Amino acid sequence: MNLFRHFQGELLRTVEDLVSEGQLPPGLDTGRLSVEPPRDPSHGDLTTNAAMILARPAKSKPRELATLIAGRLMNVDSVETAEIAGPGFINLRLADAYWHARLGEILAAGEAYGDSDAGDGHPANVEY
């Protein structure tokens, strides 16, 4: 399991729920929403730009939208905290139980752990 993809899905479900409840307008472009590691690990396990990206099309202030989204993300079982940073980024800390559950997956996958479908079978040139 890719944790970033997993939480991207949780974020998209959260946005869809807010749209269906009328708290966000329909037709928002969610293609640029990201879930990634924060630049500073002390900020948490994951960060998202969702409120920053959706604020203008939703005709909302980024921090107000971040408060709405963060509150919903706190309902996700594996999220321990959702904090708003700067102009509207949302930093997530995951519960210890989430990380403990991943250990079994890592052991079961063995050497295949970390394999990815990135590139979809096409060759890639990786340089450092």
C-alpha atoms as a PDB file:
ATOM      1  CA  MET A   1       0.000   0.000   0.000  1.00  0.00           C
ATOM      2  CA  ASN A   2       1.210   3.484  -0.837  1.00  0.00           C
ATOM      3  CA  LEU A   3       0.424   5.701   2.129  1.00  0.00           C
ATOM      4  CA  PHE A   4       0.331   8.872   0.038  1.00  0.00           C
ATOM      5  CA  ARG A   5      -2.157   7.350  -2.387  1.00  0.00           C
ATOM      6  CA  HIS A   6      -4.228   6.050   0.515  1.00  0.00           C
ATOM      7  CA  PHE A   7      -4.512   9.463   2.143  1.00  0.00           C
ATOM      8  CA  GLN A   8      -5.051  11.138  -1.223  1.00  0.00           C
ATOM      9  CA  GLY A   9      -8.134   8.929  -1.467  1.00  0.00           C
ATOM     10  CA  GLU A  10      -9.230   9.929   2.051  1.00  0.00           C
ATOM     11  CA  LEU A  11      -8.777  13.592   1.120  1.00  0.00           C
ATOM     12  CA  LEU A  12     -10.794  13.210  -2.093  1.00  0.00           C
ATOM     13  CA  ARG A  13     -13.601  11.444  -0.178  1.00  0.00           C
ATOM     14  CA  THR A  14     -13.598  14.306   2.317  1.00  0.00           C
ATOM     15  CA  VAL A  15     -13.918  16.886  -0.465  1.00  0.00           C
ATOM     16  CA  GLU A  16     -16.668  14.844  -2.149  1.00  0.00           C
ATOM     17  CA  ASP A  17     -18.570  14.657   1.163  1.00  0.00           C
ATOM     18  CA  LEU A  18     -18.297  18.432   1.611  1.00  0.00           C
ATOM     19  CA  VAL A  19     -19.590  18.943  -1.937  1.00  0.00           C
ATOM     20  CA  SER A  20     -22.514  16.548  -1.422  1.00  0.00           C
ATOM     21  CA  GLU A  21     -23.424  18.372   1.811  1.00  0.00           C
ATOM     22  CA  GLY A  22     -23.389  21.721   0.025  1.00  0.00           C
ATOM     23  CA  GLN A  23     -20.418  23.092   1.974  1.00  0.00           C
ATOM     24  CA  LEU A  24     -18.313  23.219  -1.196  1.00  0.00           C
ATOM     25  CA  PRO A  25     -19.520  23.923  -4.734  1.00  0.00           C
ATOM     26  CA  PRO A  26     -19.755  21.072  -7.245  1.00  0.00           C
ATOM     27  CA  GLY A  27     -17.303  20.719 -10.103  1.00  0.00           C
ATOM     28  CA  LEU A  28     -14.107  21.525  -8.194  1.00  0.00           C
ATOM     29  CA  ASP A  29     -10.905  20.422  -9.949  1.00  0.00           C
ATOM     30  CA  THR A  30      -9.132  18.130  -7.484  1.00  0.00           C
ATOM     31  CA  GLY A  31      -6.375  17.103  -9.890  1.00  0.00           C
ATOM     32  CA  ARG A  32      -3.736  19.316  -8.290  1.00  0.00           C
ATOM     33  CA  LEU A  33      -4.392  18.287  -4.693  1.00  0.00           C
ATOM     34  CA  SER A  34      -1.348  16.665  -3.176  1.00  0.00           C
ATOM     35  CA  VAL A  35      -0.577  14.582  -0.126  1.00  0.00           C
ATOM     36  CA  GLU A  36       3.138  14.351   0.540  1.00  0.00           C
ATOM     37  CA  PRO A  37       5.720  14.390   3.312  1.00  0.00           C
ATOM     38  CA  PRO A  38       6.174  17.815   4.900  1.00  0.00           C
ATOM     39  CA  ARG A  39       9.466  19.623   4.285  1.00  0.00           C
ATOM     40  CA  ASP A  40      10.081  19.675   8.026  1.00  0.00           C
ATOM     41  CA  PRO A  41       9.416  16.287   9.678  1.00  0.00           C
ATOM     42  CA  SER A  42       8.528  18.036  12.941  1.00  0.00           C
ATOM     43  CA  HIS A  43       5.345  19.255  11.222  1.00  0.00           C
ATOM     44  CA  GLY A  44       3.895  15.746  11.042  1.00  0.00           C
ATOM     45  CA  ASP A  45       3.749  12.703   8.802  1.00  0.00           C
ATOM     46  CA  LEU A  46       1.837  14.141   5.824  1.00  0.00           C
ATOM     47  CA  THR A  47       0.847  17.518   4.463  1.00  0.00           C
ATOM     48  CA  THR A  48      -1.760  18.590   1.930  1.00  0.00           C
ATOM     49  CA  ASN A  49      -2.285  21.723  -0.122  1.00  0.00           C
ATOM     50  CA  ALA A  50      -6.023  21.046  -0.555  1.00  0.00           C
ATOM     51  CA  ALA A  51      -7.294  24.257   1.034  1.00  0.00           C
ATOM     52  CA  MET A  52      -4.787  26.374  -0.895  1.00  0.00           C
ATOM     53  CA  ILE A  53      -5.825  24.843  -4.222  1.00  0.00           C
ATOM     54  CA  LEU A  54      -9.590  24.784  -3.624  1.00  0.00           C
ATOM     55  CA  ALA A  55     -10.021  28.155  -1.868  1.00  0.00           C
ATOM     56  CA  ARG A  56     -10.345  30.381  -4.926  1.00  0.00           C
ATOM     57  CA  PRO A  57     -12.746  28.163  -6.923  1.00  0.00           C
ATOM     58  CA  ALA A  58     -14.741  27.556  -3.717  1.00  0.00           C
ATOM     59  CA  LYS A  59     -14.810  31.321  -3.074  1.00  0.00           C
ATOM     60  CA  SER A  60     -13.413  30.782   0.404  1.00  0.00           C
ATOM     61  CA  LYS A  61     -10.387  31.871   2.416  1.00  0.00           C
ATOM     62  CA  PRO A  62      -7.697  29.151   2.510  1.00  0.00           C
ATOM     63  CA  ARG A  63      -7.465  29.002   6.319  1.00  0.00           C
ATOM     64  CA  GLU A  64     -11.269  28.797   6.694  1.00  0.00           C
ATOM     65  CA  LEU A  65     -11.401  25.978   4.159  1.00  0.00           C
ATOM     66  CA  ALA A  66      -8.421  24.293   5.843  1.00  0.00           C
ATOM     67  CA  THR A  67     -10.315  24.370   9.154  1.00  0.00           C
ATOM     68  CA  LEU A  68     -13.300  22.678   7.508  1.00  0.00           C
ATOM     69  CA  ILE A  69     -11.190  20.003   5.773  1.00  0.00           C
ATOM     70  CA  ALA A  70      -8.944  19.374   8.792  1.00  0.00           C
ATOM     71  CA  GLY A  71     -11.986  18.850  11.001  1.00  0.00           C
ATOM     72  CA  ARG A  72     -13.241  16.170   8.636  1.00  0.00           C
ATOM     73  CA  LEU A  73      -9.835  14.502   8.325  1.00  0.00           C
ATOM     74  CA  MET A  74      -9.784  14.128  12.119  1.00  0.00           C
ATOM     75  CA  ASN A  75     -12.631  11.619  11.634  1.00  0.00           C
ATOM     76  CA  VAL A  76     -10.346   9.297   9.639  1.00  0.00           C
ATOM     77  CA  ASP A  77      -9.390   6.456  12.012  1.00  0.00           C
ATOM     78  CA  SER A  78      -5.660   6.613  11.386  1.00  0.00           C
ATOM     79  CA  VAL A  79      -5.346  10.410  11.725  1.00  0.00           C
ATOM     80  CA  GLU A  80      -4.252  11.498  15.190  1.00  0.00           C
ATOM     81  CA  THR A  81      -4.018  15.245  14.533  1.00  0.00           C
ATOM     82  CA  ALA A  82      -4.761  17.620  11.672  1.00  0.00           C
ATOM     83  CA  GLU A  83      -3.158  21.034  12.132  1.00  0.00           C
ATOM     84  CA  ILE A  84      -3.372  24.095   9.935  1.00  0.00           C
ATOM     85  CA  ALA A  85      -0.070  25.736   9.071  1.00  0.00           C
ATOM     86  CA  GLY A  86       0.824  28.961   7.321  1.00  0.00           C
ATOM     87  CA  PRO A  87      -1.719  30.261   4.849  1.00  0.00           C
ATOM     88  CA  GLY A  88      -3.737  27.026   4.772  1.00  0.00           C
ATOM     89  CA  PHE A  89      -1.636  23.879   4.554  1.00  0.00           C
ATOM     90  CA  ILE A  90      -2.919  20.934   6.578  1.00  0.00           C
ATOM     91  CA  ASN A  91      -0.360  18.814   8.436  1.00  0.00           C
ATOM     92  CA  LEU A  92      -1.406  15.339   9.551  1.00  0.00           C
ATOM     93  CA  ARG A  93       0.060  13.112  12.232  1.00  0.00           C
ATOM     94  CA  LEU A  94      -0.874   9.470  11.972  1.00  0.00           C
ATOM     95  CA  ALA A  95      -1.764   7.258  14.908  1.00  0.00           C
ATOM     96  CA  ASP A  96       0.795   4.722  16.109  1.00  0.00           C
ATOM     97  CA  ALA A  97      -1.705   1.957  15.316  1.00  0.00           C
ATOM     98  CA  TYR A  98      -1.561   2.936  11.636  1.00  0.00           C
ATOM     99  CA  TRP A  99       2.218   2.475  11.547  1.00  0.00           C
ATOM    100  CA  HIS A 100       2.029  -0.789  13.522  1.00  0.00           C
ATOM    101  CA  ALA A 101      -0.437  -2.209  11.001  1.00  0.00           C
ATOM    102  CA  ARG A 102       2.009  -1.418   8.190  1.00  0.00           C
ATOM    103  CA  LEU A 103       4.671  -3.655   9.769  1.00  0.00           C
ATOM    104  CA  GLY A 104       2.674  -6.785   8.911  1.00  0.00           C
ATOM    105  CA  GLU A 105       2.316  -5.596   5.312  1.00  0.00           C
ATOM    106  CA  ILE A 106       6.051  -4.945   5.074  1.00  0.00           C
ATOM    107  CA  LEU A 107       6.920  -8.388   6.390  1.00  0.00           C
ATOM    108  CA  ALA A 108       4.378 -10.078   4.112  1.00  0.00           C
ATOM    109  CA  ALA A 109       5.685  -8.252   1.028  1.00  0.00           C
ATOM    110  CA  GLY A 110       9.297  -9.170   1.759  1.00  0.00           C
ATOM    111  CA  GLU A 111      11.662  -7.990  -0.956  1.00  0.00           C
ATOM    112  CA  ALA A 112       8.738  -6.691  -3.008  1.00  0.00           C
ATOM    113  CA  TYR A 113       7.975  -4.049  -0.377  1.00  0.00           C
ATOM    114  CA  GLY A 114       8.191  -0.633  -1.965  1.00  0.00           C
ATOM    115  CA  ASP A 115       7.608  -1.865  -5.515  1.00  0.00           C
ATOM    116  CA  SER A 116       5.688   0.678  -7.520  1.00  0.00           C
ATOM    117  CA  ASP A 117       3.669   0.900 -10.687  1.00  0.00           C
ATOM    118  CA  ALA A 118       5.142   4.350 -11.367  1.00  0.00           C
ATOM    119  CA  GLY A 119       6.030   4.654 -15.018  1.00  0.00           C
ATOM    120  CA  ASP A 120       3.553   1.944 -15.970  1.00  0.00           C
ATOM    121  CA  GLY A 121       6.234  -0.362 -17.378  1.00  0.00           C
ATOM    122  CA  HIS A 122       7.960   2.311 -19.448  1.00  0.00           C
ATOM    123  CA  PRO A 123      11.732   2.763 -19.123  1.00  0.00           C
ATOM    124  CA  ALA A 124      12.978   5.641 -17.002  1.00  0.00           C
ATOM    125  CA  ASN A 125      16.301   7.422 -16.754  1.00  0.00           C
ATOM    126  CA  VAL A 126      17.154   8.120 -13.130  1.00  0.00           C
ATOM    127  CA  GLU A 127      20.032  10.467 -12.436  1.00  0.00           C
ATOM    128  CA  TYR A 128      21.437  11.804  -9.246  1.00  0.00           C
END
